C-alpha atoms as a PDB file:
ATOM      1  CA  MET A   1     -66.078 104.191 -43.977  1.00  0.00           C
ATOM      2  CA  ASP A   2     -63.554 105.668 -42.927  1.00  0.00           C
ATOM      3  CA  THR A   3     -61.159 107.934 -44.061  1.00  0.00           C
ATOM      4  CA  HIS A   4     -57.964 108.389 -43.093  1.00  0.00           C
ATOM      5  CA  TRP A   5     -55.668 111.613 -42.811  1.00  0.00           C
ATOM      6  CA  SER A   6     -52.274 112.258 -40.559  1.00  0.00           C
ATOM      7  CA  GLY A   7     -53.406 109.990 -38.227  1.00  0.00           C
ATOM      8  CA  ILE A   8     -56.956 111.177 -37.667  1.00  0.00           C
ATOM      9  CA  SER A   9     -59.534 108.926 -38.790  1.00  0.00           C
ATOM     10  CA  CYS A  10     -63.207 110.251 -39.232  1.00  0.00           C
ATOM     11  CA  ARG A  11     -66.620 108.590 -39.988  1.00  0.00           C
ATOM     12  CA  ASN A  12     -68.102 109.634 -43.433  1.00  0.00           C
ATOM     13  CA  PHE A  13     -71.117 110.285 -42.745  1.00  0.00           C
ATOM     14  CA  LEU A  14     -72.506 112.986 -45.351  1.00  0.00           C
ATOM     15  CA  SER A  15     -69.881 112.574 -48.089  1.00  0.00           C
ATOM     16  CA  SER A  16     -66.199 111.888 -48.645  1.00  0.00           C
ATOM     17  CA  SER A  17     -66.074 115.760 -49.319  1.00  0.00           C
ATOM     18  CA  CYS A  18     -66.915 116.041 -45.850  1.00  0.00           C
ATOM     19  CA  CYS A  19     -63.744 114.385 -44.819  1.00  0.00           C
ATOM     20  CA  CYS A  20     -61.418 115.189 -47.389  1.00  0.00           C
ATOM     21  CA  PHE A  21     -62.392 119.615 -46.674  1.00  0.00           C
ATOM     22  CA  PHE A  22     -61.731 118.596 -42.501  1.00  0.00           C
ATOM     23  CA  GLY A  23     -58.196 117.478 -43.825  1.00  0.00           C
ATOM     24  CA  ASP A  24     -57.108 120.473 -45.530  1.00  0.00           C
ATOM     25  CA  VAL A  25     -58.758 122.416 -43.076  1.00  0.00           C
ATOM     26  CA  ILE A  26     -56.231 120.339 -40.488  1.00  0.00           C
ATOM     27  CA  ARG A  27     -53.285 120.762 -42.661  1.00  0.00           C
ATOM     28  CA  LYS A  28     -53.747 124.469 -42.822  1.00  0.00           C
ATOM     29  CA  PHE A  29     -53.658 124.440 -39.126  1.00  0.00           C
ATOM     30  CA  PHE A  30     -50.975 123.294 -38.372  1.00  0.00           C
ATOM     31  CA  GLU A  31     -49.140 125.122 -42.349  1.00  0.00           C
ATOM     32  CA  VAL A  32     -49.660 127.807 -39.801  1.00  0.00           C
ATOM     33  CA  ASP A  33     -48.756 127.099 -36.599  1.00  0.00           C
ATOM     34  CA  GLU A  34     -45.416 126.202 -37.829  1.00  0.00           C
ATOM     35  CA  PRO A  35     -42.945 128.625 -37.255  1.00  0.00           C
ATOM     36  CA  THR A  36     -41.392 130.057 -40.161  1.00  0.00           C
ATOM     37  CA  ASN A  37     -37.477 130.026 -40.670  1.00  0.00           C
ATOM     38  CA  ALA A  38     -35.296 131.919 -38.277  1.00  0.00           C
ATOM     39  CA  PRO A  39     -35.128 135.837 -39.314  1.00  0.00           C
ATOM     40  CA  SER A  40     -31.770 136.872 -41.338  1.00  0.00           C
ATOM     41  CA  GLU A  41     -29.735 139.046 -39.657  1.00  0.00           C
ATOM     42  CA  THR A  42     -29.944 141.527 -41.816  1.00  0.00           C
ATOM     43  CA  THR A  43     -33.747 142.545 -40.608  1.00  0.00           C
ATOM     44  CA  GLU A  44     -34.333 143.981 -37.247  1.00  0.00           C
ATOM     45  CA  ASP A  45     -35.964 140.987 -36.040  1.00  0.00           C
ATOM     46  CA  GLY A  46     -33.064 138.626 -37.061  1.00  0.00           C
ATOM     47  CA  PHE A  47     -30.389 141.204 -35.154  1.00  0.00           C
ATOM     48  CA  CYS A  48     -32.894 141.457 -32.228  1.00  0.00           C
ATOM     49  CA  GLU A  49     -32.695 137.298 -31.884  1.00  0.00           C
ATOM     50  CA  LYS A  50     -29.066 137.347 -32.694  1.00  0.00           C
ATOM     51  CA  LEU A  51     -28.270 140.134 -29.809  1.00  0.00           C
ATOM     52  CA  PHE A  52     -30.449 138.524 -27.081  1.00  0.00           C
ATOM     53  CA  PHE A  53     -28.728 135.014 -27.879  1.00  0.00           C
ATOM     54  CA  GLU A  54     -25.048 136.839 -27.796  1.00  0.00           C
ATOM     55  CA  HIS A  55     -25.004 139.031 -24.961  1.00  0.00           C
ATOM     56  CA  THR A  56     -28.415 137.746 -22.733  1.00  0.00           C
ATOM     57  CA  MET A  57     -27.050 137.036 -19.386  1.00  0.00           C
ATOM     58  CA  ILE A  58     -28.152 135.189 -16.419  1.00  0.00           C
ATOM     59  CA  ASP A  59     -27.008 136.804 -12.907  1.00  0.00           C
ATOM     60  CA  ARG A  60     -26.439 135.224  -9.276  1.00  0.00           C
ATOM     61  CA  SER A  61     -30.047 135.742  -8.380  1.00  0.00           C
ATOM     62  CA  GLY A  62     -31.579 134.103 -11.839  1.00  0.00           C
ATOM     63  CA  ARG A  63     -32.510 137.385 -13.384  1.00  0.00           C
ATOM     64  CA  TYR A  64     -31.807 137.374 -16.753  1.00  0.00           C
ATOM     65  CA  ILE A  65     -29.912 140.258 -17.819  1.00  0.00           C
ATOM     66  CA  VAL A  66     -31.406 141.801 -21.651  1.00  0.00           C
ATOM     67  CA  PRO A  67     -29.659 143.953 -23.638  1.00  0.00           C
ATOM     68  CA  LEU A  68     -31.730 146.719 -25.300  1.00  0.00           C
ATOM     69  CA  PRO A  69     -31.909 146.163 -29.175  1.00  0.00           C
ATOM     70  CA  PHE A  70     -31.248 150.376 -30.195  1.00  0.00           C
ATOM     71  CA  ARG A  71     -31.388 150.860 -33.865  1.00  0.00           C
ATOM     72  CA  ASP A  72     -28.703 153.062 -34.008  1.00  0.00           C
ATOM     73  CA  ALA A  73     -25.334 152.774 -32.581  1.00  0.00           C
ATOM     74  CA  ASN A  74     -24.942 155.657 -30.775  1.00  0.00           C
ATOM     75  CA  PRO A  75     -28.590 156.395 -29.568  1.00  0.00           C
ATOM     76  CA  GLN A  76     -27.345 158.635 -27.105  1.00  0.00           C
ATOM     77  CA  GLU A  77     -26.884 161.886 -29.282  1.00  0.00           C
ATOM     78  CA  MET A  78     -30.535 161.544 -30.571  1.00  0.00           C
ATOM     79  CA  LEU A  79     -32.094 161.525 -26.721  1.00  0.00           C
ATOM     80  CA  LYS A  80     -29.722 164.136 -25.405  1.00  0.00           C
ATOM     81  CA  GLY A  81     -32.313 166.932 -24.110  1.00  0.00           C
ATOM     82  CA  THR A  82     -34.393 164.363 -21.772  1.00  0.00           C
ATOM     83  CA  ARG A  83     -32.672 165.925 -18.231  1.00  0.00           C
ATOM     84  CA  ASN A  84     -34.469 168.626 -18.567  1.00  0.00           C
ATOM     85  CA  ILE A  85     -38.115 167.146 -19.966  1.00  0.00           C
ATOM     86  CA  ALA A  86     -38.279 164.500 -16.969  1.00  0.00           C
ATOM     87  CA  GLN A  87     -37.208 167.511 -14.254  1.00  0.00           C
ATOM     88  CA  LYS A  88     -39.875 169.365 -15.137  1.00  0.00           C
ATOM     89  CA  ARG A  89     -41.839 166.618 -15.203  1.00  0.00           C
ATOM     90  CA  PHE A  90     -40.761 165.660 -12.385  1.00  0.00           C
ATOM     91  CA  LEU A  91     -40.794 169.176 -10.560  1.00  0.00           C
ATOM     92  CA  ASN A  92     -44.715 168.798 -11.061  1.00  0.00           C
ATOM     93  CA  LEU A  93     -45.022 165.155  -9.587  1.00  0.00           C
ATOM     94  CA  GLU A  94     -43.485 166.706  -6.063  1.00  0.00           C
ATOM     95  CA  ARG A  95     -46.171 169.089  -6.046  1.00  0.00           C
ATOM     96  CA  ARG A  96     -49.045 167.059  -6.587  1.00  0.00           C
ATOM     97  CA  LEU A  97     -46.872 164.387  -3.793  1.00  0.00           C
ATOM     98  CA  ILE A  98     -46.852 167.735  -1.134  1.00  0.00           C
ATOM     99  CA  LEU A  99     -50.668 168.405  -1.866  1.00  0.00           C
ATOM    100  CA  ASN A 100     -51.492 164.473  -1.161  1.00  0.00           C
ATOM    101  CA  PRO A 101     -49.378 162.822   1.807  1.00  0.00           C
ATOM    102  CA  THR A 102     -51.406 159.650   1.348  1.00  0.00           C
ATOM    103  CA  LEU A 103     -49.796 159.790  -2.231  1.00  0.00           C
ATOM    104  CA  TYR A 104     -46.482 160.806  -1.259  1.00  0.00           C
ATOM    105  CA  GLU A 105     -46.400 157.690   0.933  1.00  0.00           C
ATOM    106  CA  ALA A 106     -47.401 155.176  -1.645  1.00  0.00           C
ATOM    107  CA  TYR A 107     -44.709 156.673  -4.542  1.00  0.00           C
ATOM    108  CA  ARG A 108     -42.179 156.464  -1.678  1.00  0.00           C
ATOM    109  CA  ASP A 109     -42.501 153.052  -0.849  1.00  0.00           C
ATOM    110  CA  PHE A 110     -43.158 151.859  -4.888  1.00  0.00           C
ATOM    111  CA  MET A 111     -39.817 153.751  -5.128  1.00  0.00           C
ATOM    112  CA  ALA A 112     -38.106 151.494  -2.722  1.00  0.00           C
ATOM    113  CA  GLU A 113     -39.709 148.745  -3.372  1.00  0.00           C
ATOM    114  CA  TYR A 114     -38.450 148.885  -7.059  1.00  0.00           C
ATOM    115  CA  ILE A 115     -34.836 149.622  -5.857  1.00  0.00           C
ATOM    116  CA  ARG A 116     -34.708 146.545  -3.175  1.00  0.00           C
ATOM    117  CA  LEU A 117     -35.666 144.351  -6.417  1.00  0.00           C
ATOM    118  CA  GLY A 118     -33.155 145.929  -8.025  1.00  0.00           C
ATOM    119  CA  HIS A 119     -35.003 147.239 -10.609  1.00  0.00           C
ATOM    120  CA  MET A 120     -33.673 150.668 -10.390  1.00  0.00           C
ATOM    121  CA  GLN A 121     -30.645 152.201  -8.427  1.00  0.00           C
ATOM    122  CA  VAL A 122     -29.875 155.416  -7.728  1.00  0.00           C
ATOM    123  CA  ALA A 123     -26.966 157.266  -9.937  1.00  0.00           C
ATOM    124  CA  ASN A 124     -24.036 157.952  -9.031  1.00  0.00           C
ATOM    125  CA  THR A 125     -23.108 160.659 -11.897  1.00  0.00           C
ATOM    126  CA  PRO A 126     -26.137 162.016 -14.087  1.00  0.00           C
ATOM    127  CA  GLY A 127     -27.525 159.763 -16.302  1.00  0.00           C
ATOM    128  CA  ASP A 128     -27.733 160.405 -20.428  1.00  0.00           C
ATOM    129  CA  TYR A 129     -31.297 159.295 -20.673  1.00  0.00           C
ATOM    130  CA  ILE A 130     -33.674 159.980 -18.052  1.00  0.00           C
ATOM    131  CA  ILE A 131     -37.526 158.253 -18.540  1.00  0.00           C
ATOM    132  CA  PRO A 132     -39.815 160.894 -16.810  1.00  0.00           C
ATOM    133  CA  HIS A 133     -42.853 158.572 -14.659  1.00  0.00           C
ATOM    134  CA  HIS A 134     -45.857 160.249 -13.063  1.00  0.00           C
ATOM    135  CA  ALA A 135     -48.421 157.937 -10.823  1.00  0.00           C
ATOM    136  CA  VAL A 136     -51.932 156.689 -11.639  1.00  0.00           C
ATOM    137  CA  THR A 137     -53.942 155.882  -8.706  1.00  0.00           C
ATOM    138  CA  LYS A 138     -57.299 153.726  -8.333  1.00  0.00           C
ATOM    139  CA  ASP A 139     -59.062 153.702  -5.141  1.00  0.00           C
ATOM    140  CA  GLU A 140     -59.934 150.222  -4.222  1.00  0.00           C
ATOM    141  CA  ASN A 141     -62.079 149.649  -1.236  1.00  0.00           C
ATOM    142  CA  GLY A 142     -60.702 153.099   0.741  1.00  0.00           C
ATOM    143  CA  LYS A 143     -57.344 151.640   0.244  1.00  0.00           C
ATOM    144  CA  LEU A 144     -55.323 153.599  -2.291  1.00  0.00           C
ATOM    145  CA  LYS A 145     -53.786 151.476  -5.104  1.00  0.00           C
ATOM    146  CA  ILE A 146     -50.434 153.086  -7.518  1.00  0.00           C
ATOM    147  CA  ARG A 147     -49.258 151.861  -9.758  1.00  0.00           C
ATOM    148  CA  VAL A 148     -45.645 154.262 -11.637  1.00  0.00           C
ATOM    149  CA  VAL A 149     -45.782 154.108 -15.551  1.00  0.00           C
ATOM    150  CA  PHE A 150     -42.271 155.562 -16.605  1.00  0.00           C
ATOM    151  CA  ASP A 151     -43.229 157.333 -19.904  1.00  0.00           C
ATOM    152  CA  ALA A 152     -40.320 156.080 -22.592  1.00  0.00           C
ATOM    153  CA  SER A 153     -42.656 157.865 -25.780  1.00  0.00           C
ATOM    154  CA  SER A 154     -41.245 161.725 -23.798  1.00  0.00           C
ATOM    155  CA  ARG A 155     -39.398 163.168 -26.761  1.00  0.00           C
ATOM    156  CA  SER A 156     -36.276 164.431 -25.838  1.00  0.00           C
ATOM    157  CA  SER A 157     -35.099 167.784 -27.153  1.00  0.00           C
ATOM    158  CA  GLY A 158     -34.035 166.832 -30.633  1.00  0.00           C
ATOM    159  CA  GLY A 159     -37.369 165.308 -31.039  1.00  0.00           C
ATOM    160  CA  HIS A 160     -36.883 161.581 -30.537  1.00  0.00           C
ATOM    161  CA  SER A 161     -38.132 159.274 -27.771  1.00  0.00           C
ATOM    162  CA  LEU A 162     -36.785 156.334 -26.424  1.00  0.00           C
ATOM    163  CA  ASN A 163     -39.410 154.041 -28.070  1.00  0.00           C
ATOM    164  CA  ASP A 164     -38.388 155.815 -31.403  1.00  0.00           C
ATOM    165  CA  VAL A 165     -34.735 154.146 -31.228  1.00  0.00           C
ATOM    166  CA  MET A 166     -35.502 150.877 -29.655  1.00  0.00           C
ATOM    167  CA  MET A 167     -36.033 147.911 -32.058  1.00  0.00           C
ATOM    168  CA  TYR A 168     -38.585 145.510 -32.048  1.00  0.00           C
ATOM    169  CA  PHE A 169     -39.982 142.053 -32.433  1.00  0.00           C
END
């Protein structure tokens, strides 16, 4: 005896409850995987979705330009005082780079590549928020591999970080 459920056929070789159970599992699977309605604009998810749909652009090179979804309309106030912290951490990094010419060269090459790719640019004026960064290294077969980590969890003098003032969805 064959039992049919939404276009799926299964041979009932144990009992009729086998196919019914299998059908229930399949139905529940699709219920779980079905997307819910779009989030309301009153939720952070909804706000982010609206912000991205209304303000995301594509530049001439095909890159997407996406706005940062801040929780507060004026995050600059909450992020004041990051320059001093970032500068202190950069001076520590600079001392480390001076002591290790191979690391210095790799770090400089990494930053030059970021500029070349358009991921960052040299600022003409001091920024409102400075993200501290440092190098994480790994020796791979005698060759130094470098990864630069940007620390958006670094706190401003007011106790807030970039991660704190951003929405997530």
